[in-house]
Amino acid sequence: MMQEPLVLLKVSVNAVSPVSEESWTEFSRIWKPFHAGRKEVISGAGMQENYLYFVTGGVQRIYFPDDSGREATLVFVYAPSFGGIIDSLLLEKPSIYIYETLTPSQFLRASGSDLREVMHLYPDIERMIRTGITQTLSGIMERLMEVQSFSSEEKFRKLLKRSPHILQLVPHKYLANYLGMDATNFSKLLNRVKI
């Protein structure tokens, strides 16, 4: 049962930055299966993230809840990819974000302490994590540019170009929130823009 998710994890790890077989063996030992139901908070605001997740099924989002009760969806997470509140995990500080499932979800997860130990003992694991974080930062910078510079329609088109499958994975109200627009305007855009 664990074999398939670990194979998926190994492919994802090597796509970021290949690691030695010895490093992979030790890295693979720290991962345990984890399941969560629909609309379940995995990591809450005000709590420190204790795990790095590898998503093997389902869809989640990370969002920021403001003091007025509004939510800002920052990212969607789905297989095969890493998830969790990474800054909270690595900086060992409480998070201001919430990581929640949108659908029933399956994961492998590794504790922060196990992850730090393997990173310390195996430089290629540390390099792979650093490379993955750098790639993520690059994506965040691109997304910030889009948020600051693009019209609603340009953001919508860019999202569909980058992730055309997202319309089938994520409820449209969350996509509208992610793009910073009203759900009604998102629907109008969906009907108007040729996909």
C-alpha atoms as a PDB file:
ATOM      1  CA  MET A   1       0.000   0.000   0.000  1.00  0.00           C
ATOM      2  CA  MET A   2       2.840   2.441   0.817  1.00  0.00           C
ATOM      3  CA  GLN A   3       4.808   1.547  -2.324  1.00  0.00           C
ATOM      4  CA  GLU A   4       2.831   3.594  -4.852  1.00  0.00           C
ATOM      5  CA  PRO A   5       2.856   6.864  -2.848  1.00  0.00           C
ATOM      6  CA  LEU A   6       6.582   6.437  -2.171  1.00  0.00           C
ATOM      7  CA  VAL A   7       7.245   5.886  -5.882  1.00  0.00           C
ATOM      8  CA  LEU A   8       5.332   9.093  -6.613  1.00  0.00           C
ATOM      9  CA  LEU A   9       7.348  10.882  -3.915  1.00  0.00           C
ATOM     10  CA  LYS A  10      10.645   9.611  -5.341  1.00  0.00           C
ATOM     11  CA  VAL A  11       9.745  10.796  -8.846  1.00  0.00           C
ATOM     12  CA  SER A  12       8.828  14.237  -7.443  1.00  0.00           C
ATOM     13  CA  VAL A  13      12.016  14.462  -5.368  1.00  0.00           C
ATOM     14  CA  ASN A  14      14.219  13.568  -8.329  1.00  0.00           C
ATOM     15  CA  ALA A  15      12.368  16.065 -10.539  1.00  0.00           C
ATOM     16  CA  VAL A  16      13.368  18.823  -8.101  1.00  0.00           C
ATOM     17  CA  SER A  17      16.962  17.670  -7.541  1.00  0.00           C
ATOM     18  CA  PRO A  18      18.170  14.057  -7.796  1.00  0.00           C
ATOM     19  CA  VAL A  19      19.420  12.433  -4.581  1.00  0.00           C
ATOM     20  CA  SER A  20      21.590   9.359  -3.960  1.00  0.00           C
ATOM     21  CA  GLU A  21      20.011   5.995  -3.223  1.00  0.00           C
ATOM     22  CA  GLU A  22      21.344   6.117   0.348  1.00  0.00           C
ATOM     23  CA  SER A  23      19.820   9.566   0.880  1.00  0.00           C
ATOM     24  CA  TRP A  24      16.546   8.464  -0.694  1.00  0.00           C
ATOM     25  CA  THR A  25      16.373   5.405   1.580  1.00  0.00           C
ATOM     26  CA  GLU A  26      16.747   7.547   4.704  1.00  0.00           C
ATOM     27  CA  PHE A  27      14.428  10.269   3.372  1.00  0.00           C
ATOM     28  CA  SER A  28      11.729   7.723   2.465  1.00  0.00           C
ATOM     29  CA  ARG A  29      11.738   6.300   6.017  1.00  0.00           C
ATOM     30  CA  ILE A  30      10.469   9.516   7.600  1.00  0.00           C
ATOM     31  CA  TRP A  31       7.172   9.566   5.658  1.00  0.00           C
ATOM     32  CA  LYS A  32       3.940   8.184   7.144  1.00  0.00           C
ATOM     33  CA  PRO A  33       0.466   7.942   5.573  1.00  0.00           C
ATOM     34  CA  PHE A  34      -2.124  10.515   6.604  1.00  0.00           C
ATOM     35  CA  HIS A  35      -5.750  11.045   5.529  1.00  0.00           C
ATOM     36  CA  ALA A  36      -8.122  13.959   6.004  1.00  0.00           C
ATOM     37  CA  GLY A  37     -11.789  14.440   5.178  1.00  0.00           C
ATOM     38  CA  ARG A  38     -13.439  17.152   3.108  1.00  0.00           C
ATOM     39  CA  LYS A  39     -13.191  20.721   4.490  1.00  0.00           C
ATOM     40  CA  GLU A  40     -10.866  19.638   7.290  1.00  0.00           C
ATOM     41  CA  VAL A  41      -8.312  22.085   8.687  1.00  0.00           C
ATOM     42  CA  ILE A  42      -4.933  20.383   8.640  1.00  0.00           C
ATOM     43  CA  SER A  43      -2.951  23.334   9.986  1.00  0.00           C
ATOM     44  CA  GLY A  44      -4.602  26.288  11.678  1.00  0.00           C
ATOM     45  CA  ALA A  45      -3.688  29.926  12.077  1.00  0.00           C
ATOM     46  CA  GLY A  46      -1.866  30.567  15.333  1.00  0.00           C
ATOM     47  CA  MET A  47      -0.419  27.057  15.398  1.00  0.00           C
ATOM     48  CA  GLN A  48       3.048  25.967  14.375  1.00  0.00           C
ATOM     49  CA  GLU A  49       3.171  23.646  11.363  1.00  0.00           C
ATOM     50  CA  ASN A  50       4.745  20.359  12.438  1.00  0.00           C
ATOM     51  CA  TYR A  51       4.720  18.438   9.150  1.00  0.00           C
ATOM     52  CA  LEU A  52       5.740  18.583   5.535  1.00  0.00           C
ATOM     53  CA  TYR A  53       3.042  16.936   3.455  1.00  0.00           C
ATOM     54  CA  PHE A  54       3.273  15.162   0.134  1.00  0.00           C
ATOM     55  CA  VAL A  55      -0.151  15.066  -1.490  1.00  0.00           C
ATOM     56  CA  THR A  56      -1.093  11.770  -3.128  1.00  0.00           C
ATOM     57  CA  GLY A  57      -4.816  12.484  -3.574  1.00  0.00           C
ATOM     58  CA  GLY A  58      -7.378  15.236  -3.123  1.00  0.00           C
ATOM     59  CA  VAL A  59      -7.244  19.025  -3.301  1.00  0.00           C
ATOM     60  CA  GLN A  60      -6.355  21.521  -0.596  1.00  0.00           C
ATOM     61  CA  ARG A  61      -5.866  25.244  -0.308  1.00  0.00           C
ATOM     62  CA  ILE A  62      -3.805  27.554   1.842  1.00  0.00           C
ATOM     63  CA  TYR A  63      -5.545  30.778   2.734  1.00  0.00           C
ATOM     64  CA  PHE A  64      -5.250  33.818   4.962  1.00  0.00           C
ATOM     65  CA  PRO A  65      -8.265  34.792   7.108  1.00  0.00           C
ATOM     66  CA  ASP A  66      -8.330  38.508   7.903  1.00  0.00           C
ATOM     67  CA  ASP A  67      -9.817  40.140  11.003  1.00  0.00           C
ATOM     68  CA  SER A  68     -13.071  40.893   9.132  1.00  0.00           C
ATOM     69  CA  GLY A  69     -13.712  37.245   8.335  1.00  0.00           C
ATOM     70  CA  ARG A  70     -12.672  37.529   4.695  1.00  0.00           C
ATOM     71  CA  GLU A  71     -10.428  34.891   3.182  1.00  0.00           C
ATOM     72  CA  ALA A  72      -7.618  35.271   0.670  1.00  0.00           C
ATOM     73  CA  THR A  73      -6.780  32.006  -1.085  1.00  0.00           C
ATOM     74  CA  LEU A  74      -3.031  31.937  -1.707  1.00  0.00           C
ATOM     75  CA  VAL A  75      -2.417  28.545  -3.301  1.00  0.00           C
ATOM     76  CA  PHE A  76      -4.062  25.265  -4.254  1.00  0.00           C
ATOM     77  CA  VAL A  77      -2.288  21.997  -3.556  1.00  0.00           C
ATOM     78  CA  TYR A  78      -2.962  18.662  -5.259  1.00  0.00           C
ATOM     79  CA  ALA A  79      -1.143  15.481  -6.251  1.00  0.00           C
ATOM     80  CA  PRO A  80       1.688  15.066  -6.780  1.00  0.00           C
ATOM     81  CA  SER A  81       3.090  17.982  -4.826  1.00  0.00           C
ATOM     82  CA  PHE A  82       4.356  19.075  -1.445  1.00  0.00           C
ATOM     83  CA  GLY A  83       2.054  20.942   0.907  1.00  0.00           C
ATOM     84  CA  GLY A  84       1.860  22.524   4.310  1.00  0.00           C
ATOM     85  CA  ILE A  85       2.652  25.891   5.813  1.00  0.00           C
ATOM     86  CA  ILE A  86       6.330  25.772   4.894  1.00  0.00           C
ATOM     87  CA  ASP A  87       7.475  29.023   6.525  1.00  0.00           C
ATOM     88  CA  SER A  88       5.944  27.973   9.846  1.00  0.00           C
ATOM     89  CA  LEU A  89       7.533  24.528   9.595  1.00  0.00           C
ATOM     90  CA  LEU A  90      11.044  25.685   8.725  1.00  0.00           C
ATOM     91  CA  LEU A  91      11.112  28.808  10.909  1.00  0.00           C
ATOM     92  CA  GLU A  92       9.394  26.959  13.774  1.00  0.00           C
ATOM     93  CA  LYS A  93       6.929  29.771  14.387  1.00  0.00           C
ATOM     94  CA  PRO A  94       3.128  30.004  14.527  1.00  0.00           C
ATOM     95  CA  SER A  95       1.404  30.333  11.176  1.00  0.00           C
ATOM     96  CA  ILE A  96      -0.941  33.105  10.104  1.00  0.00           C
ATOM     97  CA  TYR A  97      -2.352  30.847   7.359  1.00  0.00           C
ATOM     98  CA  ILE A  98      -4.759  27.934   7.262  1.00  0.00           C
ATOM     99  CA  TYR A  99      -4.164  24.730   5.300  1.00  0.00           C
ATOM    100  CA  GLU A 100      -7.481  22.998   4.639  1.00  0.00           C
ATOM    101  CA  THR A 101      -8.769  20.213   2.451  1.00  0.00           C
ATOM    102  CA  LEU A 102     -11.360  20.983  -0.210  1.00  0.00           C
ATOM    103  CA  THR A 103     -11.911  17.274  -0.910  1.00  0.00           C
ATOM    104  CA  PRO A 104     -11.071  14.101   1.006  1.00  0.00           C
ATOM    105  CA  SER A 105      -7.277  13.934   0.774  1.00  0.00           C
ATOM    106  CA  GLN A 106      -4.460  11.442   1.133  1.00  0.00           C
ATOM    107  CA  PHE A 107      -0.903  12.318   2.032  1.00  0.00           C
ATOM    108  CA  LEU A 108       2.447  11.142   3.139  1.00  0.00           C
ATOM    109  CA  ARG A 109       3.757  13.395   5.873  1.00  0.00           C
ATOM    110  CA  ALA A 110       7.094  13.838   7.599  1.00  0.00           C
ATOM    111  CA  SER A 111       7.622  15.559  10.928  1.00  0.00           C
ATOM    112  CA  GLY A 112       9.652  18.751  10.980  1.00  0.00           C
ATOM    113  CA  SER A 113      12.159  17.233  13.394  1.00  0.00           C
ATOM    114  CA  ASP A 114      12.712  14.177  11.164  1.00  0.00           C
ATOM    115  CA  LEU A 115      13.003  16.416   8.108  1.00  0.00           C
ATOM    116  CA  ARG A 116      15.585  18.681   9.776  1.00  0.00           C
ATOM    117  CA  GLU A 117      17.627  15.654  10.882  1.00  0.00           C
ATOM    118  CA  VAL A 118      17.692  14.097   7.389  1.00  0.00           C
ATOM    119  CA  MET A 119      18.551  17.482   5.852  1.00  0.00           C
ATOM    120  CA  HIS A 120      21.439  17.836   8.304  1.00  0.00           C
ATOM    121  CA  LEU A 121      22.821  14.339   7.651  1.00  0.00           C
ATOM    122  CA  TYR A 122      22.353  14.259   3.858  1.00  0.00           C
ATOM    123  CA  PRO A 123      23.469  17.359   1.931  1.00  0.00           C
ATOM    124  CA  ASP A 124      21.688  16.260  -1.255  1.00  0.00           C
ATOM    125  CA  ILE A 125      18.385  16.144   0.664  1.00  0.00           C
ATOM    126  CA  GLU A 126      19.064  19.638   2.018  1.00  0.00           C
ATOM    127  CA  ARG A 127      19.905  20.798  -1.533  1.00  0.00           C
ATOM    128  CA  MET A 128      16.703  19.244  -2.898  1.00  0.00           C
ATOM    129  CA  ILE A 129      14.605  21.004  -0.216  1.00  0.00           C
ATOM    130  CA  ARG A 130      16.409  24.317  -0.860  1.00  0.00           C
ATOM    131  CA  THR A 131      15.900  23.959  -4.624  1.00  0.00           C
ATOM    132  CA  GLY A 132      12.208  23.184  -4.120  1.00  0.00           C
ATOM    133  CA  ILE A 133      11.760  26.206  -1.869  1.00  0.00           C
ATOM    134  CA  THR A 134      13.581  28.395  -4.407  1.00  0.00           C
ATOM    135  CA  GLN A 135      11.304  27.159  -7.204  1.00  0.00           C
ATOM    136  CA  THR A 136       8.292  27.867  -5.012  1.00  0.00           C
ATOM    137  CA  LEU A 137       9.587  31.366  -4.243  1.00  0.00           C
ATOM    138  CA  SER A 138      10.009  32.000  -7.964  1.00  0.00           C
ATOM    139  CA  GLY A 139       6.377  30.988  -8.522  1.00  0.00           C
ATOM    140  CA  ILE A 140       5.244  33.243  -5.678  1.00  0.00           C
ATOM    141  CA  MET A 141       7.138  36.195  -7.171  1.00  0.00           C
ATOM    142  CA  GLU A 142       5.468  35.584 -10.538  1.00  0.00           C
ATOM    143  CA  ARG A 143       2.067  35.366  -8.849  1.00  0.00           C
ATOM    144  CA  LEU A 144       2.681  38.634  -6.967  1.00  0.00           C
ATOM    145  CA  MET A 145       3.510  40.320 -10.257  1.00  0.00           C
ATOM    146  CA  GLU A 146       0.259  39.022 -11.750  1.00  0.00           C
ATOM    147  CA  VAL A 147      -1.789  40.179  -8.749  1.00  0.00           C
ATOM    148  CA  GLN A 148      -0.205  43.643  -8.869  1.00  0.00           C
ATOM    149  CA  SER A 149      -0.164  44.146 -12.641  1.00  0.00           C
ATOM    150  CA  PHE A 150      -2.803  42.068 -14.434  1.00  0.00           C
ATOM    151  CA  SER A 151      -6.484  42.726 -15.027  1.00  0.00           C
ATOM    152  CA  SER A 152      -8.997  40.123 -13.845  1.00  0.00           C
ATOM    153  CA  GLU A 153      -9.224  38.683 -17.343  1.00  0.00           C
ATOM    154  CA  GLU A 154      -5.427  38.518 -17.698  1.00  0.00           C
ATOM    155  CA  LYS A 155      -5.136  36.713 -14.338  1.00  0.00           C
ATOM    156  CA  PHE A 156      -7.862  34.294 -15.423  1.00  0.00           C
ATOM    157  CA  ARG A 157      -6.158  33.561 -18.760  1.00  0.00           C
ATOM    158  CA  LYS A 158      -2.762  33.128 -17.091  1.00  0.00           C
ATOM    159  CA  LEU A 159      -4.220  30.671 -14.581  1.00  0.00           C
ATOM    160  CA  LEU A 160      -5.824  28.601 -17.348  1.00  0.00           C
ATOM    161  CA  LYS A 161      -2.625  28.621 -19.379  1.00  0.00           C
ATOM    162  CA  ARG A 162      -0.561  27.501 -16.369  1.00  0.00           C
ATOM    163  CA  SER A 163      -3.109  24.980 -14.987  1.00  0.00           C
ATOM    164  CA  PRO A 164      -5.917  24.245 -17.488  1.00  0.00           C
ATOM    165  CA  HIS A 165      -7.143  21.303 -15.368  1.00  0.00           C
ATOM    166  CA  ILE A 166      -7.808  23.557 -12.355  1.00  0.00           C
ATOM    167  CA  LEU A 167     -11.400  24.277 -13.441  1.00  0.00           C
ATOM    168  CA  GLN A 168     -12.261  20.605 -12.913  1.00  0.00           C
ATOM    169  CA  LEU A 169     -10.365  20.270  -9.607  1.00  0.00           C
ATOM    170  CA  VAL A 170     -11.303  23.350  -7.600  1.00  0.00           C
ATOM    171  CA  PRO A 171     -14.773  24.795  -6.910  1.00  0.00           C
ATOM    172  CA  HIS A 172     -15.183  28.031  -8.825  1.00  0.00           C
ATOM    173  CA  LYS A 173     -15.856  30.137  -5.721  1.00  0.00           C
ATOM    174  CA  TYR A 174     -12.307  29.352  -4.514  1.00  0.00           C
ATOM    175  CA  LEU A 175     -10.827  30.088  -7.931  1.00  0.00           C
ATOM    176  CA  ALA A 176     -12.620  33.450  -7.917  1.00  0.00           C
ATOM    177  CA  ASN A 177     -11.191  34.158  -4.455  1.00  0.00           C
ATOM    178  CA  TYR A 178      -7.697  33.137  -5.605  1.00  0.00           C
ATOM    179  CA  LEU A 179      -7.967  35.572  -8.520  1.00  0.00           C
ATOM    180  CA  GLY A 180      -9.309  38.322  -6.263  1.00  0.00           C
ATOM    181  CA  MET A 181     -12.695  38.655  -7.895  1.00  0.00           C
ATOM    182  CA  ASP A 182     -16.345  38.226  -7.080  1.00  0.00           C
ATOM    183  CA  ALA A 183     -17.815  34.774  -7.905  1.00  0.00           C
ATOM    184  CA  THR A 184     -20.388  36.390 -10.218  1.00  0.00           C
ATOM    185  CA  ASN A 185     -17.669  38.148 -12.216  1.00  0.00           C
ATOM    186  CA  PHE A 186     -15.722  34.880 -12.363  1.00  0.00           C
ATOM    187  CA  SER A 187     -18.796  33.163 -13.860  1.00  0.00           C
ATOM    188  CA  LYS A 188     -19.176  35.906 -16.452  1.00  0.00           C
ATOM    189  CA  LEU A 189     -15.504  35.590 -17.348  1.00  0.00           C
ATOM    190  CA  LEU A 190     -15.807  31.809 -17.562  1.00  0.00           C
ATOM    191  CA  ASN A 191     -18.709  32.148 -19.994  1.00  0.00           C
ATOM    192  CA  ARG A 192     -17.024  34.877 -22.059  1.00  0.00           C
ATOM    193  CA  VAL A 193     -13.417  33.702 -22.375  1.00  0.00           C
ATOM    194  CA  LYS A 194     -12.749  30.874 -24.811  1.00  0.00           C
ATOM    195  CA  ILE A 195     -10.893  28.061 -23.089  1.00  0.00           C
END
